[in-house]
């Protein structure tokens, strides 16, 4: 029955092949660089982790403390945007840092609903200890690869950031 139906010009035409485009060959996987990033990150945060553990703090506390120290008066909304975490996650960490006396919250002058974050003297001391450890590691690494390497490393790290996020990060790097 199917053959009788395909008489005439349709029976003589070639079947239409689906349009195909040659897929590019898969890019090689840079396992060595991926693993180097894992190990570098492990050691970069490992030094501060050991100090933070003595305070009952973790990496989330470190990130909050770092950005509040770098940007005194930062609002909670701004901090949420920088860290890209939920308000619930931030609240737990921030509550601990405030209760233990490392960060203080001040009511906004123009908008009383805003809370501006500042490190206390104890918070400043802890933040400086942590950043000094990380600075030492970074400077030693830059020293080992050459005097002009910082610019190349900075461009490489910036290129790893999602393109849509780069302008925001660049603004943050400019400082307060």
N, C-alpha and C. Protein backbone atom coordinates (compact mmCIF):
# COMPACT_ATOMS: atom_id res chain seq x y z
N UNK A 1 0.82 -1.18 0.00
CA UNK A 1 0.00 0.00 0.00
C UNK A 1 0.87 1.25 0.00
N UNK A 2 1.94 1.25 0.75
CA UNK A 2 2.82 2.40 0.80
C UNK A 2 3.45 2.71 -0.53
N UNK A 3 3.78 1.66 -1.34
CA UNK A 3 4.44 1.90 -2.62
C UNK A 3 3.50 2.51 -3.62
N UNK A 4 2.31 2.10 -3.65
CA UNK A 4 1.34 2.63 -4.60
C UNK A 4 1.11 4.11 -4.32
N UNK A 5 1.17 4.46 -3.09
CA UNK A 5 0.93 5.83 -2.71
C UNK A 5 2.06 6.72 -3.20
N UNK A 6 3.31 6.19 -3.29
CA UNK A 6 4.46 6.98 -3.69
C UNK A 6 4.70 6.88 -5.19
N UNK A 7 3.74 7.18 -5.98
CA UNK A 7 3.93 7.18 -7.43
C UNK A 7 4.14 8.61 -7.88
N UNK A 8 4.56 8.77 -9.06
CA UNK A 8 4.72 10.11 -9.60
C UNK A 8 6.06 10.71 -9.19
N UNK A 9 6.11 12.03 -9.13
CA UNK A 9 7.36 12.74 -8.90
C UNK A 9 7.92 12.49 -7.50
N UNK A 10 7.07 12.30 -6.49
CA UNK A 10 7.58 12.05 -5.15
C UNK A 10 8.33 10.73 -5.08
N UNK A 11 7.88 9.73 -5.82
CA UNK A 11 8.52 8.42 -5.78
C UNK A 11 9.90 8.48 -6.40
N UNK A 12 10.11 9.38 -7.36
CA UNK A 12 11.40 9.46 -8.03
C UNK A 12 12.38 10.42 -7.35
N UNK A 13 11.91 11.26 -6.44
CA UNK A 13 12.82 12.23 -5.82
C UNK A 13 13.62 11.56 -4.71
N UNK A 14 14.73 12.14 -4.45
CA UNK A 14 15.59 11.63 -3.38
C UNK A 14 15.00 12.04 -2.03
N UNK A 15 15.18 11.21 -1.03
CA UNK A 15 14.70 11.61 0.29
C UNK A 15 15.47 12.86 0.75
N UNK A 16 14.77 13.70 1.46
CA UNK A 16 15.40 14.92 1.94
C UNK A 16 16.19 14.58 3.20
N UNK A 17 17.47 14.87 3.12
CA UNK A 17 18.34 14.61 4.27
C UNK A 17 18.22 15.78 5.23
N UNK A 18 18.21 15.51 6.49
CA UNK A 18 18.17 16.62 7.43
C UNK A 18 19.41 17.48 7.28
N UNK A 19 19.24 18.79 7.43
CA UNK A 19 20.36 19.71 7.31
C UNK A 19 21.30 19.47 8.48
N UNK A 20 22.55 19.30 8.15
CA UNK A 20 23.51 19.10 9.23
C UNK A 20 24.62 20.13 9.09
N UNK A 21 25.09 20.54 10.19
CA UNK A 21 26.27 21.39 10.21
C UNK A 21 27.31 20.63 11.01
N UNK A 22 28.49 20.67 10.51
CA UNK A 22 29.56 19.94 11.19
C UNK A 22 29.84 20.60 12.53
N UNK A 23 29.72 19.82 13.57
CA UNK A 23 30.01 20.33 14.91
C UNK A 23 31.51 20.47 15.06
N UNK A 24 31.93 21.55 15.70
CA UNK A 24 33.38 21.68 15.89
C UNK A 24 33.86 20.59 16.82
N UNK A 25 35.10 20.20 16.63
CA UNK A 25 35.62 19.16 17.53
C UNK A 25 35.64 19.70 18.96
N UNK A 26 35.42 18.81 19.92
CA UNK A 26 35.42 19.28 21.31
C UNK A 26 36.79 19.85 21.69
N UNK A 27 36.74 20.90 22.48
CA UNK A 27 38.00 21.51 22.93
C UNK A 27 38.68 20.56 23.90
N UNK A 28 39.99 20.55 23.88
CA UNK A 28 40.69 19.69 24.84
C UNK A 28 40.39 20.17 26.27
N UNK A 29 40.29 19.24 27.16
CA UNK A 29 40.00 19.58 28.56
C UNK A 29 41.32 19.87 29.26
N UNK A 30 41.47 21.09 29.79
CA UNK A 30 42.73 21.43 30.47
C UNK A 30 42.73 20.95 31.92
N UNK A 31 42.71 19.63 32.08
CA UNK A 31 42.64 19.05 33.42
C UNK A 31 43.72 19.60 34.35
N UNK A 32 44.92 19.78 33.80
CA UNK A 32 46.00 20.25 34.66
C UNK A 32 45.70 21.64 35.23
N UNK A 33 45.15 22.53 34.41
CA UNK A 33 44.83 23.87 34.90
C UNK A 33 43.63 23.84 35.86
N UNK A 34 42.65 23.02 35.55
CA UNK A 34 41.49 22.89 36.44
C UNK A 34 41.97 22.41 37.82
N UNK A 35 42.81 21.39 37.82
CA UNK A 35 43.27 20.86 39.09
C UNK A 35 44.21 21.83 39.81
N UNK A 36 45.02 22.56 39.05
CA UNK A 36 45.87 23.56 39.68
C UNK A 36 45.03 24.64 40.36
N UNK A 37 43.92 25.02 39.73
CA UNK A 37 43.03 26.00 40.36
C UNK A 37 42.43 25.45 41.64
N UNK A 38 42.00 24.20 41.61
CA UNK A 38 41.48 23.58 42.84
C UNK A 38 42.51 23.60 43.96
N UNK A 39 43.73 23.17 43.64
CA UNK A 39 44.77 23.11 44.66
C UNK A 39 45.20 24.51 45.13
N UNK A 40 45.29 25.44 44.18
CA UNK A 40 45.67 26.81 44.55
C UNK A 40 44.61 27.42 45.47
N UNK A 41 43.35 27.21 45.13
CA UNK A 41 42.27 27.74 45.97
C UNK A 41 42.29 27.09 47.35
N UNK A 42 42.51 25.78 47.38
CA UNK A 42 42.57 25.06 48.65
C UNK A 42 43.61 25.69 49.57
N UNK A 43 44.79 25.94 49.04
CA UNK A 43 45.86 26.49 49.86
C UNK A 43 45.67 27.98 50.13
N UNK A 44 45.12 28.71 49.18
CA UNK A 44 44.87 30.15 49.35
C UNK A 44 43.89 30.40 50.49
N UNK A 45 42.86 29.58 50.59
CA UNK A 45 41.89 29.76 51.67
C UNK A 45 42.25 28.92 52.90
N UNK A 46 43.14 27.97 52.74
CA UNK A 46 43.52 27.10 53.85
C UNK A 46 44.22 27.82 54.98
N UNK A 47 45.09 28.77 54.64
CA UNK A 47 45.79 29.53 55.69
C UNK A 47 44.77 30.27 56.57
N UNK A 48 43.88 31.06 55.98
CA UNK A 48 42.86 31.73 56.81
C UNK A 48 41.91 30.76 57.51
N UNK A 49 41.59 29.65 56.85
CA UNK A 49 40.68 28.66 57.46
C UNK A 49 41.17 28.22 58.83
N UNK A 50 42.48 28.02 58.95
CA UNK A 50 43.04 27.55 60.22
C UNK A 50 42.86 28.60 61.33
N UNK A 51 43.03 29.85 60.99
CA UNK A 51 42.83 30.92 61.97
C UNK A 51 41.34 31.06 62.28
N UNK A 52 40.51 31.06 61.26
CA UNK A 52 39.06 31.22 61.45
C UNK A 52 38.48 30.12 62.33
N UNK A 53 39.01 28.92 62.21
CA UNK A 53 38.51 27.79 63.01
C UNK A 53 38.66 28.07 64.50
N UNK A 54 39.70 28.79 64.88
CA UNK A 54 39.90 29.14 66.30
C UNK A 54 38.78 30.06 66.82
N UNK A 55 38.13 30.76 65.91
CA UNK A 55 37.05 31.68 66.29
C UNK A 55 35.67 31.05 66.09
N UNK A 56 35.65 29.83 65.55
CA UNK A 56 34.37 29.19 65.24
C UNK A 56 33.77 29.74 63.95
N UNK A 57 34.61 30.31 63.08
CA UNK A 57 34.16 30.91 61.83
C UNK A 57 34.60 30.04 60.65
N UNK A 58 33.96 30.28 59.52
CA UNK A 58 34.30 29.57 58.29
C UNK A 58 34.54 30.55 57.15
N UNK A 59 34.55 30.02 55.94
CA UNK A 59 34.85 30.83 54.76
C UNK A 59 33.80 31.91 54.50
N UNK A 60 32.54 31.63 54.82
CA UNK A 60 31.51 32.65 54.63
C UNK A 60 31.77 33.85 55.54
N UNK A 61 32.20 33.58 56.76
CA UNK A 61 32.55 34.66 57.69
C UNK A 61 33.72 35.47 57.13
N UNK A 62 34.68 34.76 56.55
CA UNK A 62 35.85 35.42 55.99
C UNK A 62 35.44 36.38 54.87
N UNK A 63 34.59 35.91 53.96
CA UNK A 63 34.17 36.75 52.84
C UNK A 63 33.44 38.00 53.34
N UNK A 64 32.53 37.82 54.27
CA UNK A 64 31.78 38.95 54.81
C UNK A 64 32.74 39.93 55.48
N UNK A 65 33.60 39.43 56.33
CA UNK A 65 34.55 40.28 57.04
C UNK A 65 35.45 41.03 56.05
N UNK A 66 35.90 40.33 55.02
CA UNK A 66 36.79 40.95 54.02
C UNK A 66 36.12 42.14 53.36
N UNK A 67 34.91 41.93 52.84
CA UNK A 67 34.27 43.01 52.08
C UNK A 67 33.78 44.14 52.97
N UNK A 68 33.39 43.85 54.19
CA UNK A 68 33.00 44.92 55.12
C UNK A 68 34.23 45.74 55.50
N UNK A 69 35.35 45.07 55.71
CA UNK A 69 36.60 45.77 56.03
C UNK A 69 37.02 46.66 54.87
N UNK A 70 36.89 46.17 53.66
CA UNK A 70 37.33 46.93 52.47
C UNK A 70 36.39 48.07 52.11
N UNK A 71 35.13 47.95 52.50
CA UNK A 71 34.12 48.95 52.13
C UNK A 71 33.30 49.36 53.35
N UNK A 72 33.90 50.11 54.26
CA UNK A 72 33.15 50.53 55.46
C UNK A 72 31.86 51.25 55.07
N UNK A 73 30.77 50.89 55.74
CA UNK A 73 29.48 51.51 55.44
C UNK A 73 28.68 50.78 54.39
N UNK A 74 29.22 49.68 53.91
CA UNK A 74 28.53 48.84 52.93
C UNK A 74 27.15 48.45 53.47
N UNK A 75 26.14 48.49 52.61
CA UNK A 75 24.80 48.07 53.07
C UNK A 75 24.66 46.57 52.89
N UNK A 76 23.68 46.04 53.55
CA UNK A 76 23.41 44.61 53.43
C UNK A 76 23.05 44.26 51.99
N UNK A 77 22.27 45.11 51.34
CA UNK A 77 21.91 44.86 49.94
C UNK A 77 23.14 44.83 49.05
N UNK A 78 24.08 45.74 49.28
CA UNK A 78 25.31 45.76 48.49
C UNK A 78 26.15 44.51 48.75
N UNK A 79 26.19 44.09 49.99
CA UNK A 79 26.95 42.89 50.33
C UNK A 79 26.33 41.65 49.70
N UNK A 80 25.01 41.58 49.70
CA UNK A 80 24.32 40.46 49.04
C UNK A 80 24.65 40.43 47.55
N UNK A 81 24.71 41.59 46.94
CA UNK A 81 25.04 41.67 45.50
C UNK A 81 26.47 41.21 45.24
N UNK A 82 27.39 41.60 46.10
CA UNK A 82 28.79 41.20 45.93
C UNK A 82 28.96 39.69 46.09
N UNK A 83 28.39 39.16 47.16
CA UNK A 83 28.59 37.74 47.48
C UNK A 83 27.69 36.81 46.69
N UNK A 84 26.60 37.36 46.16
CA UNK A 84 25.61 36.56 45.42
C UNK A 84 25.16 35.36 46.23
N UNK A 85 24.72 35.65 47.45
CA UNK A 85 24.17 34.62 48.32
C UNK A 85 22.78 35.06 48.75
N UNK A 86 22.05 34.16 49.39
CA UNK A 86 20.71 34.51 49.84
C UNK A 86 20.79 35.34 51.12
N UNK A 87 19.73 36.09 51.35
CA UNK A 87 19.66 36.90 52.57
C UNK A 87 19.71 36.00 53.81
N UNK A 88 19.09 34.84 53.70
CA UNK A 88 19.08 33.89 54.81
C UNK A 88 20.51 33.43 55.15
N UNK A 89 21.30 33.12 54.13
CA UNK A 89 22.68 32.70 54.36
C UNK A 89 23.49 33.82 55.00
N UNK A 90 23.31 35.03 54.49
CA UNK A 90 24.05 36.16 55.04
C UNK A 90 23.64 36.44 56.48
N UNK A 91 22.36 36.37 56.76
CA UNK A 91 21.87 36.70 58.10
C UNK A 91 22.52 35.84 59.18
N UNK A 92 22.65 34.56 58.92
CA UNK A 92 23.25 33.66 59.92
C UNK A 92 24.69 34.07 60.20
N UNK A 93 25.47 34.26 59.15
CA UNK A 93 26.88 34.60 59.28
C UNK A 93 27.04 35.99 59.90
N UNK A 94 26.27 36.94 59.42
CA UNK A 94 26.36 38.31 59.92
C UNK A 94 25.98 38.38 61.40
N UNK A 95 24.96 37.64 61.77
CA UNK A 95 24.52 37.62 63.17
C UNK A 95 25.68 37.17 64.08
N UNK A 96 26.38 36.11 63.67
CA UNK A 96 27.50 35.62 64.47
C UNK A 96 28.62 36.66 64.57
N UNK A 97 28.94 37.31 63.44
CA UNK A 97 30.01 38.31 63.44
C UNK A 97 29.64 39.52 64.30
N UNK A 98 28.37 39.88 64.30
CA UNK A 98 27.91 41.00 65.13
C UNK A 98 27.92 40.60 66.60
N UNK A 99 27.35 39.43 66.90
CA UNK A 99 27.27 38.98 68.31
C UNK A 99 28.64 38.80 68.95
N UNK A 100 29.62 38.39 68.14
CA UNK A 100 30.96 38.17 68.69
C UNK A 100 31.83 39.43 68.63
N UNK A 101 31.25 40.52 68.14
CA UNK A 101 31.95 41.80 68.19
C UNK A 101 32.94 42.09 67.08
N UNK A 102 32.74 41.52 65.90
CA UNK A 102 33.66 41.76 64.78
C UNK A 102 33.09 42.73 63.76
N UNK A 103 31.77 42.84 63.72
CA UNK A 103 31.10 43.76 62.80
C UNK A 103 30.00 44.46 63.59
N UNK A 104 29.79 45.73 63.25
CA UNK A 104 28.66 46.46 63.83
C UNK A 104 27.78 46.98 62.71
N UNK A 105 26.50 47.09 63.03
CA UNK A 105 25.52 47.61 62.07
C UNK A 105 25.07 48.98 62.54
N UNK A 106 25.09 49.93 61.62
CA UNK A 106 24.64 51.28 61.94
C UNK A 106 23.45 51.62 61.05
N UNK A 107 22.49 52.29 61.64
CA UNK A 107 21.29 52.70 60.90
C UNK A 107 21.68 53.79 59.91
N UNK A 108 21.09 53.72 58.72
CA UNK A 108 21.37 54.72 57.68
C UNK A 108 20.90 56.11 58.10
N UNK A 109 21.62 57.12 57.69
CA UNK A 109 21.24 58.50 58.03
C UNK A 109 20.07 58.98 57.19
N UNK A 110 20.11 58.71 55.88
CA UNK A 110 19.02 59.13 55.00
C UNK A 110 17.85 58.15 55.05
N UNK A 111 18.17 56.88 55.05
CA UNK A 111 17.13 55.85 55.05
C UNK A 111 17.31 55.00 56.30
N UNK A 112 16.43 55.18 57.24
CA UNK A 112 16.54 54.49 58.54
C UNK A 112 16.35 52.98 58.42
N UNK A 113 15.83 52.52 57.28
CA UNK A 113 15.66 51.08 57.08
C UNK A 113 16.97 50.40 56.71
N UNK A 114 17.91 51.16 56.19
CA UNK A 114 19.20 50.59 55.78
C UNK A 114 20.09 50.35 56.99
N UNK A 115 20.85 49.27 56.88
CA UNK A 115 21.86 49.00 57.89
C UNK A 115 23.22 49.03 57.20
N UNK A 116 24.10 49.88 57.70
CA UNK A 116 25.44 50.00 57.15
C UNK A 116 26.39 49.20 58.03
N UNK A 117 27.26 48.47 57.39
CA UNK A 117 28.15 47.55 58.10
C UNK A 117 29.55 48.13 58.23
N UNK A 118 30.12 47.93 59.41
CA UNK A 118 31.48 48.40 59.70
C UNK A 118 32.17 47.33 60.54
N UNK A 119 33.47 47.18 60.32
CA UNK A 119 34.23 46.28 61.20
C UNK A 119 34.55 47.04 62.48
N UNK A 120 34.56 46.31 63.57
CA UNK A 120 34.98 46.85 64.86
C UNK A 120 36.51 46.78 64.90
N UNK A 121 37.14 47.33 65.91
CA UNK A 121 38.60 47.16 66.01
C UNK A 121 39.01 45.67 66.00
N UNK A 122 38.26 44.81 66.68
CA UNK A 122 38.58 43.37 66.66
C UNK A 122 38.40 42.80 65.25
N UNK A 123 37.37 43.24 64.55
CA UNK A 123 37.13 42.80 63.18
C UNK A 123 38.23 43.26 62.24
N UNK A 124 38.69 44.49 62.45
CA UNK A 124 39.78 45.03 61.62
C UNK A 124 41.05 44.22 61.84
N UNK A 125 41.34 43.90 63.08
CA UNK A 125 42.54 43.11 63.37
C UNK A 125 42.48 41.73 62.72
N UNK A 126 41.34 41.07 62.86
CA UNK A 126 41.20 39.74 62.27
C UNK A 126 41.27 39.81 60.75
N UNK A 127 40.58 40.76 60.15
CA UNK A 127 40.61 40.91 58.69
C UNK A 127 42.03 41.15 58.20
N UNK A 128 42.79 41.97 58.92
CA UNK A 128 44.18 42.24 58.52
C UNK A 128 45.05 40.99 58.64
N UNK A 129 44.86 40.22 59.69
CA UNK A 129 45.63 38.97 59.84
C UNK A 129 45.39 38.04 58.65
N UNK A 130 44.12 37.93 58.27
CA UNK A 130 43.77 37.02 57.17
C UNK A 130 44.31 37.52 55.83
N UNK A 131 44.17 38.81 55.58
CA UNK A 131 44.63 39.34 54.29
C UNK A 131 46.15 39.33 54.21
N UNK A 132 46.83 39.47 55.34
CA UNK A 132 48.29 39.39 55.32
C UNK A 132 48.77 37.99 54.95
N UNK A 133 48.08 36.97 55.44
CA UNK A 133 48.43 35.60 55.05
C UNK A 133 48.26 35.40 53.55
N UNK A 134 47.13 35.87 53.04
CA UNK A 134 46.87 35.68 51.61
C UNK A 134 47.79 36.54 50.76
N UNK A 135 48.09 37.73 51.22
CA UNK A 135 49.03 38.61 50.48
C UNK A 135 50.40 37.96 50.39
N UNK A 136 50.84 37.40 51.49
CA UNK A 136 52.15 36.74 51.52
C UNK A 136 52.21 35.62 50.48
N UNK A 137 51.15 34.82 50.41
CA UNK A 137 51.11 33.71 49.45
C UNK A 137 51.10 34.24 48.01
N UNK A 138 50.30 35.26 47.76
CA UNK A 138 50.21 35.83 46.40
C UNK A 138 51.54 36.45 45.99
N UNK A 139 52.13 37.24 46.86
CA UNK A 139 53.39 37.89 46.52
C UNK A 139 54.51 36.87 46.28
N UNK A 140 54.54 35.81 47.06
CA UNK A 140 55.55 34.76 46.85
C UNK A 140 55.33 34.07 45.51
N UNK A 141 54.08 33.83 45.17
CA UNK A 141 53.78 33.19 43.88
C UNK A 141 54.16 34.11 42.72
N UNK A 142 53.84 35.39 42.83
CA UNK A 142 54.20 36.34 41.77
C UNK A 142 55.72 36.45 41.65
N UNK A 143 56.40 36.45 42.77
CA UNK A 143 57.87 36.50 42.78
C UNK A 143 58.46 35.31 42.02
N UNK A 144 57.83 34.15 42.19
CA UNK A 144 58.38 32.94 41.58
C UNK A 144 58.16 32.89 40.07
N UNK A 145 57.21 33.65 39.55
CA UNK A 145 56.96 33.61 38.10
C UNK A 145 57.46 34.83 37.36
N UNK A 146 58.00 35.79 38.06
CA UNK A 146 58.63 36.92 37.39
C UNK A 146 58.03 38.26 37.77
N UNK A 147 58.84 39.30 37.60
CA UNK A 147 58.44 40.62 38.07
C UNK A 147 57.26 41.24 37.31
N UNK A 148 57.05 40.87 36.08
CA UNK A 148 55.97 41.47 35.30
C UNK A 148 54.74 40.57 35.19
N UNK A 149 54.63 39.60 36.06
CA UNK A 149 53.56 38.61 35.95
C UNK A 149 52.22 39.06 36.52
N UNK A 150 52.20 40.03 37.42
CA UNK A 150 50.96 40.42 38.09
C UNK A 150 49.88 40.84 37.09
N UNK A 151 50.26 41.60 36.08
CA UNK A 151 49.29 42.07 35.08
C UNK A 151 48.70 40.89 34.30
N UNK A 152 49.53 39.96 33.91
CA UNK A 152 49.05 38.79 33.18
C UNK A 152 48.14 37.94 34.05
N UNK A 153 48.52 37.73 35.29
CA UNK A 153 47.69 36.95 36.22
C UNK A 153 46.35 37.65 36.43
N UNK A 154 46.36 38.96 36.59
CA UNK A 154 45.11 39.71 36.78
C UNK A 154 44.20 39.58 35.56
N UNK A 155 44.77 39.69 34.36
CA UNK A 155 43.96 39.54 33.14
C UNK A 155 43.38 38.13 33.03
N UNK A 156 44.17 37.13 33.37
CA UNK A 156 43.73 35.74 33.34
C UNK A 156 42.58 35.51 34.31
N UNK A 157 42.75 35.97 35.54
CA UNK A 157 41.70 35.78 36.55
C UNK A 157 40.43 36.53 36.14
N UNK A 158 40.57 37.73 35.62
CA UNK A 158 39.41 38.50 35.17
C UNK A 158 38.69 37.77 34.04
N UNK A 159 39.44 37.12 33.17
CA UNK A 159 38.84 36.40 32.05
C UNK A 159 38.06 35.17 32.52
N UNK A 160 38.37 34.65 33.70
CA UNK A 160 37.62 33.52 34.25
C UNK A 160 36.25 33.93 34.79
N UNK A 161 36.07 35.21 35.05
CA UNK A 161 34.81 35.72 35.59
C UNK A 161 33.78 35.79 34.47
N UNK A 162 32.56 35.45 34.78
CA UNK A 162 31.47 35.53 33.81
C UNK A 162 31.47 36.92 33.17
N UNK A 163 31.42 36.99 31.83
CA UNK A 163 31.49 38.30 31.16
C UNK A 163 30.46 39.31 31.66
N UNK A 164 29.27 38.86 32.00
CA UNK A 164 28.24 39.79 32.48
C UNK A 164 28.61 40.37 33.85
N UNK A 165 29.43 39.68 34.61
CA UNK A 165 29.81 40.12 35.96
C UNK A 165 31.07 40.98 35.97
N UNK A 166 31.83 40.94 34.89
CA UNK A 166 33.13 41.64 34.88
C UNK A 166 33.03 43.13 35.19
N UNK A 167 32.07 43.87 34.61
CA UNK A 167 32.02 45.31 34.94
C UNK A 167 31.77 45.56 36.42
N UNK A 168 30.90 44.74 37.05
CA UNK A 168 30.65 44.91 38.48
C UNK A 168 31.91 44.62 39.28
N UNK A 169 32.60 43.55 38.93
CA UNK A 169 33.81 43.19 39.65
C UNK A 169 34.86 44.28 39.45
N UNK A 170 34.99 44.79 38.24
CA UNK A 170 35.96 45.85 37.97
C UNK A 170 35.67 47.07 38.83
N UNK A 171 34.38 47.38 39.00
CA UNK A 171 33.99 48.48 39.86
C UNK A 171 34.37 48.24 41.31
N UNK A 172 34.24 47.01 41.75
CA UNK A 172 34.61 46.66 43.13
C UNK A 172 36.12 46.76 43.33
N UNK A 173 36.87 46.38 42.30
CA UNK A 173 38.32 46.42 42.42
C UNK A 173 38.85 47.85 42.49
N UNK A 174 38.06 48.78 41.97
CA UNK A 174 38.48 50.18 42.00
C UNK A 174 38.51 50.71 43.44
N UNK A 175 37.83 49.98 44.33
CA UNK A 175 37.85 50.35 45.74
C UNK A 175 36.67 51.23 46.11
N UNK A 176 36.55 51.50 47.41
CA UNK A 176 35.42 52.31 47.88
C UNK A 176 35.57 53.77 47.49
